[in-house]
């Protein structure tokens, strides 16, 4: 039966995010709160030091005339200053509007103008340039505060300048921040997150203080994390997944090491040695692919040992899951392989990870099982920006592969007649900013959020997501196809793939667009006589075409006849956030990719 987590915590929720933050500062003032890279080392700050810096910056915003619920933007990558800015905005009673650093000039200008931002925190000269170029379209923006960029002493000031304004304000009004914090109503707007969306213009999701507070306290109530944990945080803070981990940190009191540079994740894990981390599935797919191909390239006895270790690990896991006993000899082998193989895999991630949390897109079950065989637990969770990121999560003591776990305590779930997942609870948004029609389409009058995802609940209350409602398609033969299920399978089979897109709506067979991982292809080239060749030459080589065709053939053996991939093409580039083909949380913008490759797709049906 599902765990009946007590929802009595709902009666004692902190009033707002600012209260939640200062409660944490008061409870554990001298504990480490954050650490962040400075030069070649890491700098650490306590909760009290963080509280003092946030107070000064919040007072600076009040000095600039910021009033309740007015919007303040943050256009920056994930870093410690992002968190200081966000908390300062909350404590001043304003609402944070998030902008991804990769967002182009036009969309940045649209988001800041649609949300009527009064002040914007801009990371560096690159972000400042976007604002300066569209200054005439941003009449509401009175001041820009930059973390690293050049100031002009007028429109653009530094973080230290803002803190100095705060000091002056506090000298004249000593109780200003306390009064501001106590005045914030739980229903007040806390955040406007513009979903980069897989289609159309970004929509501003209005999230309240009580939603964020609820998210953190709901995770705390499940006893998953506590003050002894250490988080590594790299996720985009402009995304709700990053924001929910901040609320969780304040509720549970653990320390967070923060560095948003994606290319540094694996190096950082080795140094930081965290006990947990949240990530998008692409990070796990990439790590899996890299480890598997490294062993393939080693060849010989090492590869045989590696493959045997995982065969044993998967078999031991299967037996345990099915409640069977593990024979003595198999157990002995498992212990040996744990020392020789699995411990080395764990060491790549710092060696102390209790679990990873995967969200933002579907994680392939086989990849989750592979990591589990090595002693690394990946707990899949599920939610949308529209419900403050978290609605379901697997528990370290009770999880099922292929599921996203149980609904959060204090929230409800039901499956609509067409299979759509509906969610209700304190995390659900107030609505879309300035978009009443879209709000009415997504949010029912009685508070049920339409997720747009198709799913099913099992007898134990675990939710399984099967596809995006709008991605399901029908072939001309009348067969329904769930593309993401096929795509996820290919990622488990082929360690070189970055993205795999199935197409076939109203067609008589399915085809696929395949993007290969640049790092993996560089490595492949070294072992296949093409060292130093450029990406396009490598992926167009006969060797790669033949290898990929082999993996597609392997996939087809697992599929129903009508689902099989009859033709495929390898793209000459990997999909990226910069090209607009991926969202910043690494989800594929299916429509953009299909539009960009319309002729290629047509040629596969010619």
Protein backbone atom coordinates (compact mmCIF):
# COMPACT_ATOMS: atom_id res chain seq x y z
CA UNK A 1 0.00 0.00 0.00
CA UNK A 2 1.12 3.60 -0.56
CA UNK A 3 2.90 5.38 2.26
CA UNK A 4 0.37 7.49 4.11
CA UNK A 5 2.54 10.52 4.76
CA UNK A 6 1.08 12.73 7.45
CA UNK A 7 -0.21 16.03 6.01
CA UNK A 8 -0.61 17.66 9.45
CA UNK A 9 2.39 19.90 8.58
CA UNK A 10 -0.08 21.92 6.48
CA UNK A 11 -1.46 23.42 9.71
CA UNK A 12 1.91 24.90 10.72
CA UNK A 13 3.35 26.06 7.38
CA UNK A 14 5.55 29.17 7.62
CA UNK A 15 3.53 32.20 6.51
CA UNK A 16 5.70 32.92 3.45
CA UNK A 17 9.09 32.20 1.87
CA UNK A 18 10.75 35.09 3.75
CA UNK A 19 9.56 33.72 7.12
CA UNK A 20 10.70 30.23 6.06
CA UNK A 21 14.15 31.65 5.27
CA UNK A 22 14.59 33.64 8.50
CA UNK A 23 13.25 30.70 10.55
CA UNK A 24 16.10 28.64 9.09
CA UNK A 25 18.66 31.40 9.83
CA UNK A 26 17.43 31.47 13.45
CA UNK A 27 17.40 27.67 13.88
CA UNK A 28 20.93 26.96 12.60
CA UNK A 29 22.76 30.32 12.32
CA UNK A 30 26.29 28.87 12.41
CA UNK A 31 25.71 25.88 10.12
CA UNK A 32 27.05 26.01 6.58
CA UNK A 33 24.33 27.22 4.19
CA UNK A 34 26.13 27.54 0.84
CA UNK A 35 29.50 27.01 -0.77
CA UNK A 36 30.47 28.29 -4.18
CA UNK A 37 33.58 28.26 -6.40
CA UNK A 38 36.01 31.13 -5.97
CA UNK A 39 39.08 30.80 -8.18
CA UNK A 40 40.41 27.27 -7.73
CA UNK A 41 38.80 26.67 -4.31
CA UNK A 42 35.36 26.83 -2.69
CA UNK A 43 34.11 29.57 -0.36
CA UNK A 44 31.63 28.72 2.40
CA UNK A 45 28.98 30.89 4.10
CA UNK A 46 26.78 30.21 7.14
CA UNK A 47 23.03 30.76 7.38
CA UNK A 48 23.62 33.87 9.51
CA UNK A 49 26.03 35.37 6.96
CA UNK A 50 23.51 34.60 4.19
CA UNK A 51 20.72 36.21 6.28
CA UNK A 52 22.78 39.39 6.78
CA UNK A 53 23.58 39.70 3.05
CA UNK A 54 19.96 39.06 2.03
CA UNK A 55 18.73 41.67 4.55
CA UNK A 56 21.04 44.34 3.10
CA UNK A 57 20.02 43.57 -0.50
CA UNK A 58 16.30 43.45 0.36
CA UNK A 59 16.62 46.84 2.07
CA UNK A 60 18.38 48.09 -1.07
CA UNK A 61 15.34 47.09 -3.13
CA UNK A 62 13.05 48.92 -0.68
CA UNK A 63 15.33 51.97 -1.02
CA UNK A 64 14.77 51.80 -4.80
CA UNK A 65 11.03 52.07 -4.11
CA UNK A 66 10.08 48.43 -4.76
CA UNK A 67 6.58 47.70 -3.45
CA UNK A 68 4.56 44.59 -2.62
CA UNK A 69 4.17 42.10 -5.53
CA UNK A 70 6.09 44.32 -7.97
CA UNK A 71 8.27 42.22 -10.24
CA UNK A 72 12.06 42.06 -10.12
CA UNK A 73 13.85 40.07 -12.83
CA UNK A 74 16.90 37.82 -12.59
CA UNK A 75 18.77 37.12 -15.86
CA UNK A 76 21.66 34.92 -14.81
CA UNK A 77 23.11 31.43 -14.75
CA UNK A 78 22.94 29.39 -11.53
CA UNK A 79 25.30 30.83 -8.92
CA UNK A 80 25.28 31.94 -5.28
CA UNK A 81 24.35 35.54 -6.21
CA UNK A 82 21.21 34.26 -7.97
CA UNK A 83 20.01 32.83 -4.66
CA UNK A 84 20.90 36.02 -2.73
CA UNK A 85 18.96 38.09 -5.27
CA UNK A 86 15.93 35.78 -5.21
CA UNK A 87 15.74 35.71 -1.39
CA UNK A 88 16.19 39.50 -1.24
CA UNK A 89 13.30 39.96 -3.69
CA UNK A 90 11.09 37.67 -1.54
CA UNK A 91 12.04 39.44 1.70
CA UNK A 92 11.24 42.83 0.17
CA UNK A 93 7.74 41.50 -0.62
CA UNK A 94 8.34 41.66 -4.38
CA UNK A 95 8.05 38.79 -6.90
CA UNK A 96 10.95 37.20 -8.81
CA UNK A 97 10.68 36.96 -12.59
CA UNK A 98 13.14 34.39 -13.94
CA UNK A 99 15.02 34.67 -17.24
CA UNK A 100 17.35 31.93 -18.49
CA UNK A 101 20.80 33.26 -19.44
CA UNK A 102 20.37 31.49 -22.81
CA UNK A 103 17.12 33.36 -23.61
CA UNK A 104 17.53 35.50 -26.75
CA UNK A 105 17.22 39.31 -26.76
CA UNK A 106 13.64 39.39 -28.06
CA UNK A 107 12.27 36.88 -25.53
CA UNK A 108 14.23 38.50 -22.69
CA UNK A 109 12.70 41.86 -23.58
CA UNK A 110 9.21 40.27 -23.92
CA UNK A 111 9.42 38.56 -20.48
CA UNK A 112 10.67 41.67 -18.66
CA UNK A 113 8.10 43.90 -20.33
CA UNK A 114 5.14 41.48 -20.01
CA UNK A 115 5.90 41.08 -16.29
CA UNK A 116 6.49 44.84 -15.85
CA UNK A 117 9.79 44.33 -14.01
CA UNK A 118 10.94 47.42 -12.04
CA UNK A 119 14.47 46.21 -11.31
CA UNK A 120 16.54 43.51 -13.05
CA UNK A 121 19.52 41.56 -11.70
CA UNK A 122 21.76 40.90 -14.74
CA UNK A 123 24.70 38.52 -14.41
CA UNK A 124 27.31 40.07 -16.71
CA UNK A 125 27.97 42.21 -19.78
CA UNK A 126 26.32 39.63 -22.06
CA UNK A 127 23.02 39.88 -20.15
CA UNK A 128 23.35 43.68 -19.82
CA UNK A 129 23.73 43.98 -23.61
CA UNK A 130 20.28 42.35 -24.08
CA UNK A 131 18.69 44.95 -21.78
CA UNK A 132 20.55 47.92 -23.28
CA UNK A 133 19.56 46.88 -26.81
CA UNK A 134 15.86 46.93 -25.84
CA UNK A 135 15.91 49.73 -23.25
CA UNK A 136 13.16 51.65 -25.06
CA UNK A 137 10.83 48.61 -24.75
CA UNK A 138 11.45 48.37 -20.98
CA UNK A 139 9.88 51.58 -19.62
CA UNK A 140 9.22 50.02 -16.20
CA UNK A 141 12.85 49.03 -15.54
CA UNK A 142 14.24 51.78 -13.28
CA UNK A 143 17.49 50.05 -12.26
CA UNK A 144 19.69 47.16 -13.31
CA UNK A 145 21.91 45.46 -10.71
CA UNK A 146 24.81 43.48 -12.17
CA UNK A 147 26.81 40.66 -10.53
CA UNK A 148 29.91 40.88 -12.76
CA UNK A 149 29.13 43.38 -15.52
CA UNK A 150 30.25 46.99 -16.05
CA UNK A 151 28.26 49.64 -14.13
CA UNK A 152 27.47 53.13 -15.42
CA UNK A 153 26.74 54.80 -12.07
CA UNK A 154 23.19 55.54 -13.19
CA UNK A 155 20.96 52.85 -14.77
CA UNK A 156 23.35 49.98 -13.99
CA UNK A 157 24.72 49.53 -10.45
CA UNK A 158 26.65 46.69 -8.75
CA UNK A 159 25.50 44.26 -6.06
CA UNK A 160 27.72 46.16 -3.57
CA UNK A 161 26.04 49.45 -4.59
CA UNK A 162 22.63 47.87 -3.86
CA UNK A 163 23.85 46.62 -0.45
CA UNK A 164 25.17 50.13 0.36
CA UNK A 165 21.73 51.60 -0.47
CA UNK A 166 20.31 48.94 1.86
CA UNK A 167 22.65 49.99 4.70
CA UNK A 168 21.45 53.61 4.39
CA UNK A 169 17.82 52.49 4.33
CA UNK A 170 18.28 50.29 7.43
CA UNK A 171 20.04 53.08 9.31
CA UNK A 172 16.96 55.27 8.79
CA UNK A 173 14.39 52.41 9.14
CA UNK A 174 15.90 49.69 11.38
CA UNK A 175 12.79 47.44 11.36
CA UNK A 176 12.07 47.77 7.62
CA UNK A 177 12.81 44.16 6.60
CA UNK A 178 11.05 42.62 9.60
CA UNK A 179 7.93 44.67 8.81
CA UNK A 180 8.15 43.76 5.11
CA UNK A 181 8.50 40.03 5.88
CA UNK A 182 5.54 39.97 8.29
CA UNK A 183 3.31 41.85 5.82
CA UNK A 184 3.59 39.19 3.08
CA UNK A 185 0.35 37.21 2.74
CA UNK A 186 0.64 33.46 1.93
CA UNK A 187 -1.48 34.03 -1.21
CA UNK A 188 0.79 36.81 -2.44
CA UNK A 189 2.66 36.40 -5.75
CA UNK A 190 6.20 35.12 -5.12
CA UNK A 191 7.45 34.12 -8.55
CA UNK A 192 6.67 34.56 -12.23
CA UNK A 193 8.36 31.74 -14.12
CA UNK A 194 8.07 31.94 -17.89
CA UNK A 195 7.90 28.42 -19.23
CA UNK A 196 10.22 28.21 -22.20
CA UNK A 197 7.54 25.83 -23.45
CA UNK A 198 8.02 23.39 -26.28
CA UNK A 199 5.77 25.61 -28.44
CA UNK A 200 4.98 29.33 -28.90
CA UNK A 201 5.70 32.42 -26.80
CA UNK A 202 6.75 31.89 -23.16
CA UNK A 203 3.84 31.93 -20.67
CA UNK A 204 4.29 33.48 -17.22
CA UNK A 205 3.24 31.05 -14.47
CA UNK A 206 2.05 32.88 -11.32
CA UNK A 207 3.21 31.02 -8.19
CA UNK A 208 2.35 32.10 -4.66
CA UNK A 209 4.36 32.15 -1.44
CA UNK A 210 2.31 29.33 0.06
CA UNK A 211 3.12 27.10 -2.95
CA UNK A 212 6.89 27.31 -2.47
CA UNK A 213 6.66 26.96 1.30
CA UNK A 214 4.40 23.91 0.87
CA UNK A 215 6.81 22.24 -1.57
CA UNK A 216 9.76 22.39 0.82
CA UNK A 217 7.76 21.41 3.90
CA UNK A 218 6.08 18.49 2.04
CA UNK A 219 9.51 17.04 1.22
CA UNK A 220 10.72 17.65 4.79
CA UNK A 221 7.65 15.81 6.17
CA UNK A 222 8.68 12.66 4.27
CA UNK A 223 11.95 12.40 6.17
CA UNK A 224 14.04 12.09 3.01
CA UNK A 225 16.59 14.84 3.79
CA UNK A 226 17.96 16.57 6.90
CA UNK A 227 20.69 18.96 8.15
CA UNK A 228 23.42 16.33 7.70
CA UNK A 229 22.94 16.19 3.90
CA UNK A 230 24.97 18.09 1.33
CA UNK A 231 23.40 19.02 -2.00
CA UNK A 232 25.23 19.75 -5.22
CA UNK A 233 23.12 22.24 -7.21
CA UNK A 234 23.78 23.00 -10.89
CA UNK A 235 20.19 23.10 -12.22
CA UNK A 236 19.00 26.31 -13.87
CA UNK A 237 17.53 28.39 -11.02
CA UNK A 238 15.26 29.99 -13.62
CA UNK A 239 13.52 26.59 -13.77
CA UNK A 240 11.03 25.49 -11.10
CA UNK A 241 13.08 22.33 -10.34
CA UNK A 242 15.95 24.51 -9.09
CA UNK A 243 13.58 26.74 -7.11
CA UNK A 244 11.88 23.81 -5.35
CA UNK A 245 15.28 22.55 -4.16
CA UNK A 246 15.92 25.96 -2.57
CA UNK A 247 12.62 25.76 -0.65
CA UNK A 248 13.55 22.19 0.38
CA UNK A 249 16.93 23.39 1.63
CA UNK A 250 15.34 26.04 3.84
CA UNK A 251 12.84 23.51 5.24
CA UNK A 252 15.41 20.75 5.88
CA UNK A 253 18.50 22.83 6.66
CA UNK A 254 21.18 21.02 4.63
CA UNK A 255 24.07 22.85 2.95
CA UNK A 256 24.27 23.39 -0.81
CA UNK A 257 27.35 23.59 -3.03
CA UNK A 258 26.33 25.63 -6.07
CA UNK A 259 27.88 25.90 -9.53
CA UNK A 260 25.75 26.17 -12.67
CA UNK A 261 28.45 25.18 -15.18
CA UNK A 262 27.08 21.98 -16.72
CA UNK A 263 30.47 20.96 -18.16
CA UNK A 264 31.91 20.96 -14.61
CA UNK A 265 29.28 18.67 -13.01
CA UNK A 266 31.32 15.45 -12.91
CA UNK A 267 34.53 17.24 -11.78
CA UNK A 268 32.58 19.08 -9.08
CA UNK A 269 30.94 15.91 -7.77
CA UNK A 270 34.38 14.43 -7.18
CA UNK A 271 35.44 17.50 -5.15
CA UNK A 272 32.18 18.33 -3.34
CA UNK A 273 31.20 14.69 -2.55
CA UNK A 274 27.48 15.48 -2.09
CA UNK A 275 24.90 13.14 -0.55
CA UNK A 276 22.29 14.03 -3.18
CA UNK A 277 21.70 16.01 -6.35
CA UNK A 278 18.74 16.83 -8.60
CA UNK A 279 19.24 16.49 -12.35
CA UNK A 280 17.51 16.13 -15.70
CA UNK A 281 17.64 12.62 -17.29
CA UNK A 282 20.10 13.80 -19.96
CA UNK A 283 22.82 14.02 -17.27
CA UNK A 284 22.30 10.36 -16.30
CA UNK A 285 22.07 9.24 -19.94
CA UNK A 286 25.33 11.02 -20.70
CA UNK A 287 27.13 9.54 -17.68
CA UNK A 288 25.81 6.04 -18.53
CA UNK A 289 26.89 6.37 -22.17
CA UNK A 290 30.37 7.61 -21.21
CA UNK A 291 31.04 4.80 -18.69
CA UNK A 292 29.74 2.07 -21.05
CA UNK A 293 31.77 3.25 -24.06
CA UNK A 294 34.92 3.70 -21.93
CA UNK A 295 34.69 0.01 -21.06
CA UNK A 296 33.97 -0.96 -24.69
CA UNK A 297 37.09 0.95 -25.75
CA UNK A 298 39.20 -0.78 -23.05
CA UNK A 299 38.11 -4.13 -24.51
CA UNK A 300 39.63 -7.43 -23.40
CA UNK A 301 39.43 -8.70 -19.83
CA UNK A 302 38.36 -5.30 -18.39
CA UNK A 303 35.31 -5.12 -20.65
CA UNK A 304 34.37 -8.75 -19.88
CA UNK A 305 34.68 -8.09 -16.14
CA UNK A 306 32.56 -4.92 -16.43
CA UNK A 307 29.80 -6.66 -18.41
CA UNK A 308 29.78 -9.66 -16.05
CA UNK A 309 29.58 -7.31 -13.02
CA UNK A 310 26.46 -5.60 -14.39
CA UNK A 311 24.86 -8.91 -15.37
CA UNK A 312 25.32 -10.07 -11.76
CA UNK A 313 24.23 -6.72 -10.30
CA UNK A 314 21.04 -6.63 -12.36
CA UNK A 315 20.21 -10.25 -11.47
CA UNK A 316 20.74 -9.66 -7.72
CA UNK A 317 18.55 -6.53 -7.94
CA UNK A 318 15.80 -8.41 -9.82
CA UNK A 319 15.71 -11.19 -7.22
CA UNK A 320 15.53 -8.72 -4.34
CA UNK A 321 12.72 -6.74 -6.03
CA UNK A 322 10.72 -9.92 -6.60
CA UNK A 323 11.24 -11.06 -3.01
CA UNK A 324 13.44 -14.03 -4.00
CA UNK A 325 16.53 -15.13 -2.07
CA UNK A 326 19.99 -14.48 -3.52
CA UNK A 327 22.05 -17.72 -3.77
CA UNK A 328 25.28 -17.78 -1.73
CA UNK A 329 27.64 -17.90 -4.75
CA UNK A 330 25.82 -15.10 -6.57
CA UNK A 331 26.02 -12.97 -3.42
CA UNK A 332 29.75 -13.69 -3.15
CA UNK A 333 30.28 -12.64 -6.79
CA UNK A 334 28.23 -9.48 -6.16
CA UNK A 335 30.44 -8.52 -3.19
CA UNK A 336 33.57 -9.00 -5.30
CA UNK A 337 32.19 -6.96 -8.23
CA UNK A 338 31.11 -4.23 -5.82
CA UNK A 339 34.77 -3.76 -4.80
CA UNK A 340 36.21 -4.12 -8.32
CA UNK A 341 33.63 -2.32 -10.50
CA UNK A 342 30.66 -0.68 -8.75
CA UNK A 343 32.69 1.25 -6.15
CA UNK A 344 34.60 2.89 -9.04
CA UNK A 345 31.32 3.95 -10.69
CA UNK A 346 30.15 5.44 -7.36
CA UNK A 347 33.48 7.24 -6.93
CA UNK A 348 32.88 9.12 -10.19
CA UNK A 349 30.00 10.84 -8.40
CA UNK A 350 31.98 11.55 -5.22
CA UNK A 351 31.33 8.24 -3.45
CA UNK A 352 28.83 9.59 -0.88
CA UNK A 353 25.62 9.92 -2.91
CA UNK A 354 22.60 8.51 -1.03
CA UNK A 355 20.36 9.16 -4.03
CA UNK A 356 19.88 11.33 -7.10
CA UNK A 357 16.53 12.92 -7.93
CA UNK A 358 15.60 12.92 -11.61
CA UNK A 359 12.96 15.30 -12.96
CA UNK A 360 12.03 17.70 -15.81
CA UNK A 361 11.60 14.80 -18.31
CA UNK A 362 11.12 11.01 -18.30
CA UNK A 363 14.05 8.83 -17.19
CA UNK A 364 14.49 5.52 -18.99
CA UNK A 365 13.81 2.58 -16.64
CA UNK A 366 16.76 0.52 -17.93
CA UNK A 367 19.18 3.36 -17.19
CA UNK A 368 17.71 3.70 -13.65
CA UNK A 369 18.16 -0.08 -13.15
CA UNK A 370 21.74 0.05 -14.48
CA UNK A 371 22.71 2.75 -11.95
CA UNK A 372 20.90 0.85 -9.19
CA UNK A 373 22.94 -2.26 -9.97
CA UNK A 374 26.04 -0.13 -9.25
CA UNK A 375 24.58 0.96 -5.91
CA UNK A 376 23.33 4.38 -7.06
CA UNK A 377 19.65 5.11 -6.47
CA UNK A 378 17.94 7.52 -8.87
CA UNK A 379 14.55 8.53 -7.49
CA UNK A 380 12.32 9.80 -10.26
CA UNK A 381 9.93 12.63 -9.45
CA UNK A 382 7.31 14.49 -11.47
CA UNK A 383 5.63 17.85 -11.62
CA UNK A 384 5.22 20.93 -13.77
CA UNK A 385 6.13 24.58 -13.41
CA UNK A 386 2.35 25.03 -13.07
CA UNK A 387 2.40 23.18 -9.74
CA UNK A 388 5.73 24.59 -8.43
CA UNK A 389 7.77 21.67 -9.81
CA UNK A 390 7.09 18.88 -7.32
CA UNK A 391 3.91 16.79 -7.17
CA UNK A 392 5.25 13.21 -7.00
CA UNK A 393 8.50 11.64 -5.91
CA UNK A 394 9.79 8.15 -5.17
CA UNK A 395 11.05 7.58 -1.64
CA UNK A 396 14.49 6.09 -0.78
CA UNK A 397 12.71 3.39 1.25
CA UNK A 398 9.90 2.77 -1.23
CA UNK A 399 10.31 3.23 -4.95
CA UNK A 400 9.38 1.60 -8.22
CA UNK A 401 11.43 1.89 -11.39
CA UNK A 402 9.46 3.37 -14.27
CA UNK A 403 7.20 5.27 -11.86
CA UNK A 404 7.42 8.82 -10.47
CA UNK A 405 6.33 7.73 -6.99
CA UNK A 406 3.43 8.81 -4.80
CA UNK A 407 1.65 12.15 -4.78
CA UNK A 408 3.02 14.65 -2.21
CA UNK A 409 1.26 14.64 1.18
CA UNK A 410 -1.44 17.31 1.11
CA UNK A 411 -2.01 17.00 -2.66
CA UNK A 412 -4.40 14.86 -4.73
CA UNK A 413 -4.22 13.11 -8.10
CA UNK A 414 -6.80 11.60 -10.43
CA UNK A 415 -6.70 10.22 -13.97
CA UNK A 416 -9.21 11.74 -16.42
CA UNK A 417 -11.23 9.57 -18.81
CA UNK A 418 -8.75 10.20 -21.64
CA UNK A 419 -5.84 9.18 -19.38
CA UNK A 420 -4.65 12.71 -18.56
CA UNK A 421 -3.08 13.23 -15.12
CA UNK A 422 -4.93 15.85 -13.02
CA UNK A 423 -3.34 17.38 -9.91
CA UNK A 424 -4.83 19.40 -7.04
CA UNK A 425 -3.08 20.91 -4.02
CA UNK A 426 -1.30 23.89 -2.44
CA UNK A 427 1.47 23.82 -5.08
CA UNK A 428 -0.88 24.59 -7.98
CA UNK A 429 -0.42 27.98 -9.68
CA UNK A 430 -2.73 30.97 -9.45
CA UNK A 431 -2.83 31.03 -13.27
CA UNK A 432 -0.95 32.33 -16.30
CA UNK A 433 0.03 36.01 -16.21
CA UNK A 434 -2.32 38.12 -18.37
CA UNK A 435 -3.67 34.97 -20.11
CA UNK A 436 -7.17 34.23 -18.75
CA UNK A 437 -8.16 31.92 -21.65
CA UNK A 438 -5.07 29.68 -21.32
CA UNK A 439 -5.58 29.64 -17.55
CA UNK A 440 -9.19 28.44 -17.98
CA UNK A 441 -8.01 25.67 -20.36
CA UNK A 442 -5.43 24.38 -17.86
CA UNK A 443 -7.09 25.00 -14.50
CA UNK A 444 -10.63 23.81 -13.76
CA UNK A 445 -13.01 25.91 -11.62
CA UNK A 446 -12.64 23.44 -8.75
CA UNK A 447 -8.83 23.68 -8.75
CA UNK A 448 -7.72 20.64 -10.79
CA UNK A 449 -4.62 21.27 -12.90
CA UNK A 450 -4.61 19.56 -16.31
CA UNK A 451 -1.03 18.32 -16.70
CA UNK A 452 -1.07 17.53 -20.43
CA UNK A 453 0.56 14.18 -19.60
CA UNK A 454 -0.95 10.72 -19.98
CA UNK A 455 -0.44 8.40 -17.03
CA UNK A 456 -1.76 5.55 -14.91
CA UNK A 457 -1.88 4.83 -11.15
CA UNK A 458 -1.05 1.30 -9.99
CA UNK A 459 -2.71 -0.52 -7.08
CA UNK A 460 -0.01 0.81 -4.70
CA UNK A 461 -0.61 4.44 -5.68
CA UNK A 462 2.55 4.83 -7.80
CA UNK A 463 2.07 7.05 -10.87
CA UNK A 464 3.54 6.06 -14.22
CA UNK A 465 3.71 8.71 -16.98
CA UNK A 466 3.32 7.15 -20.41
CA UNK A 467 3.51 10.19 -22.72
CA UNK A 468 2.72 13.82 -23.39
CA UNK A 469 -0.91 14.07 -24.50
CA UNK A 470 0.00 16.29 -27.46
CA UNK A 471 2.89 14.01 -28.55
CA UNK A 472 0.78 10.85 -29.01
CA UNK A 473 0.07 10.27 -32.67
CA UNK A 474 -1.88 7.90 -34.90
CA UNK A 475 -0.42 6.24 -37.99
CA UNK A 476 -2.39 6.19 -41.25
CA UNK A 477 -3.16 2.56 -40.33
CA UNK A 478 -5.02 3.81 -37.22
CA UNK A 479 -2.46 2.62 -34.63
CA UNK A 480 -1.62 4.91 -31.68
CA UNK A 481 2.07 5.50 -30.97
CA UNK A 482 3.67 6.94 -27.80
CA UNK A 483 6.95 8.32 -29.21
CA UNK A 484 8.70 9.10 -25.91
CA UNK A 485 8.49 5.45 -24.79
CA UNK A 486 10.31 4.36 -27.98
CA UNK A 487 12.80 7.23 -27.71
CA UNK A 488 13.69 6.36 -24.11
CA UNK A 489 14.33 2.72 -25.07
CA UNK A 490 16.80 3.75 -27.76
CA UNK A 491 18.73 5.88 -25.25
CA UNK A 492 19.20 2.83 -23.05
CA UNK A 493 20.44 0.73 -26.01
CA UNK A 494 22.74 3.20 -27.78
CA UNK A 495 25.42 4.85 -25.57
CA UNK A 496 26.34 7.35 -28.33
CA UNK A 497 22.92 8.96 -28.76
CA UNK A 498 22.04 12.43 -27.53
CA UNK A 499 18.50 12.70 -28.92
CA UNK A 500 16.20 10.32 -30.81
CA UNK A 501 12.96 11.68 -32.29
CA UNK A 502 10.23 9.42 -33.65
CA UNK A 503 7.93 10.78 -36.36
CA UNK A 504 4.96 9.11 -38.07
CA UNK A 505 1.68 10.99 -37.52
CA UNK A 506 -0.79 10.10 -40.30
CA UNK A 507 2.00 8.18 -42.13
CA UNK A 508 2.14 4.49 -42.95
CA UNK A 509 5.40 3.89 -41.02
CA UNK A 510 7.66 5.52 -38.40
CA UNK A 511 10.98 7.25 -39.02
CA UNK A 512 13.55 8.78 -36.66
CA UNK A 513 15.84 11.80 -36.48
CA UNK A 514 18.99 10.95 -34.52
CA UNK A 515 21.46 13.37 -32.89
CA UNK A 516 24.70 11.91 -31.51
CA UNK A 517 26.60 13.15 -28.44
CA UNK A 518 29.63 15.26 -29.52
CA UNK A 519 31.88 14.11 -26.62
CA UNK A 520 31.08 10.48 -27.32
CA UNK A 521 31.71 10.88 -31.04
CA UNK A 522 35.11 12.51 -30.43
CA UNK A 523 35.99 9.49 -28.28
CA UNK A 524 34.61 7.09 -30.94
CA UNK A 525 36.79 8.78 -33.58
CA UNK A 526 39.95 8.20 -31.48
CA UNK A 527 39.31 4.44 -31.49
CA UNK A 528 38.16 4.21 -35.10
CA UNK A 529 40.91 5.90 -37.12
CA UNK A 530 39.24 9.32 -37.36
CA UNK A 531 41.00 11.21 -34.55
CA UNK A 532 40.92 14.98 -35.12
CA UNK A 533 38.07 14.83 -37.67
CA UNK A 534 35.21 17.33 -37.26
CA UNK A 535 31.81 16.28 -35.88
CA UNK A 536 29.98 16.35 -39.24
CA UNK A 537 32.60 14.13 -40.94
CA UNK A 538 32.49 11.66 -38.04
CA UNK A 539 28.68 11.29 -37.95
CA UNK A 540 28.50 11.03 -41.75
CA UNK A 541 31.16 8.29 -41.87
CA UNK A 542 30.19 4.80 -42.98
CA UNK A 543 31.45 3.39 -39.66
CA UNK A 544 29.05 5.53 -37.61
CA UNK A 545 26.13 4.96 -39.99
CA UNK A 546 26.62 1.22 -39.77
CA UNK A 547 26.98 1.30 -35.95
CA UNK A 548 23.80 3.38 -35.49
CA UNK A 549 21.87 1.14 -37.92
CA UNK A 550 22.81 -1.81 -35.71
CA UNK A 551 21.36 -0.09 -32.64
CA UNK A 552 18.14 0.80 -34.55
CA UNK A 553 17.82 -2.86 -35.55
CA UNK A 554 18.21 -3.85 -31.89
CA UNK A 555 15.47 -1.36 -30.92
CA UNK A 556 13.09 -2.71 -33.59
CA UNK A 557 13.31 -6.21 -32.11
CA UNK A 558 11.69 -4.85 -28.94
CA UNK A 559 8.83 -2.98 -30.66
CA UNK A 560 5.42 -3.87 -32.04
CA UNK A 561 5.46 -4.18 -35.82
CA UNK A 562 3.63 -0.85 -36.36
CA UNK A 563 6.08 0.98 -34.03
CA UNK A 564 9.30 -0.11 -35.75
CA UNK A 565 11.61 2.51 -37.27
CA UNK A 566 11.71 1.82 -41.01
CA UNK A 567 14.11 4.67 -41.91
CA UNK A 568 16.30 7.05 -39.95
CA UNK A 569 18.72 9.90 -40.52
CA UNK A 570 21.67 11.10 -38.40
CA UNK A 571 21.61 14.89 -38.03
CA UNK A 572 24.83 16.82 -38.73
CA UNK A 573 24.61 18.62 -35.35
CA UNK A 574 23.56 17.89 -31.78
CA UNK A 575 20.42 19.63 -30.53
CA UNK A 576 21.13 22.48 -28.11
CA UNK A 577 19.52 25.17 -25.98
CA UNK A 578 21.40 27.82 -28.03
CA UNK A 579 19.89 26.58 -31.32
CA UNK A 580 16.41 26.81 -29.77
CA UNK A 581 15.83 23.05 -30.25
CA UNK A 582 16.04 22.23 -26.52
CA UNK A 583 14.46 24.00 -23.55
CA UNK A 584 16.92 25.04 -20.80
CA UNK A 585 15.77 21.99 -18.81
CA UNK A 586 16.96 19.86 -21.77
CA UNK A 587 13.55 18.89 -23.12
CA UNK A 588 13.28 18.60 -26.89
CA UNK A 589 11.17 21.25 -28.62
CA UNK A 590 9.65 18.69 -30.94
CA UNK A 591 7.87 21.16 -33.20
CA UNK A 592 11.00 23.31 -33.70
CA UNK A 593 13.11 20.25 -34.57
CA UNK A 594 10.45 18.96 -36.99
CA UNK A 595 10.11 22.38 -38.65
CA UNK A 596 13.91 22.69 -38.98
CA UNK A 597 14.11 19.24 -40.57
CA UNK A 598 10.89 19.23 -42.62
CA UNK A 599 12.65 18.40 -45.91
CA UNK A 600 14.69 15.61 -44.32
CA UNK A 601 11.55 14.03 -42.85
CA UNK A 602 9.72 14.29 -46.20
CA UNK A 603 12.69 12.60 -47.94
CA UNK A 604 12.33 9.60 -45.59
CA UNK A 605 8.81 9.10 -46.94
CA UNK A 606 9.67 9.78 -50.58
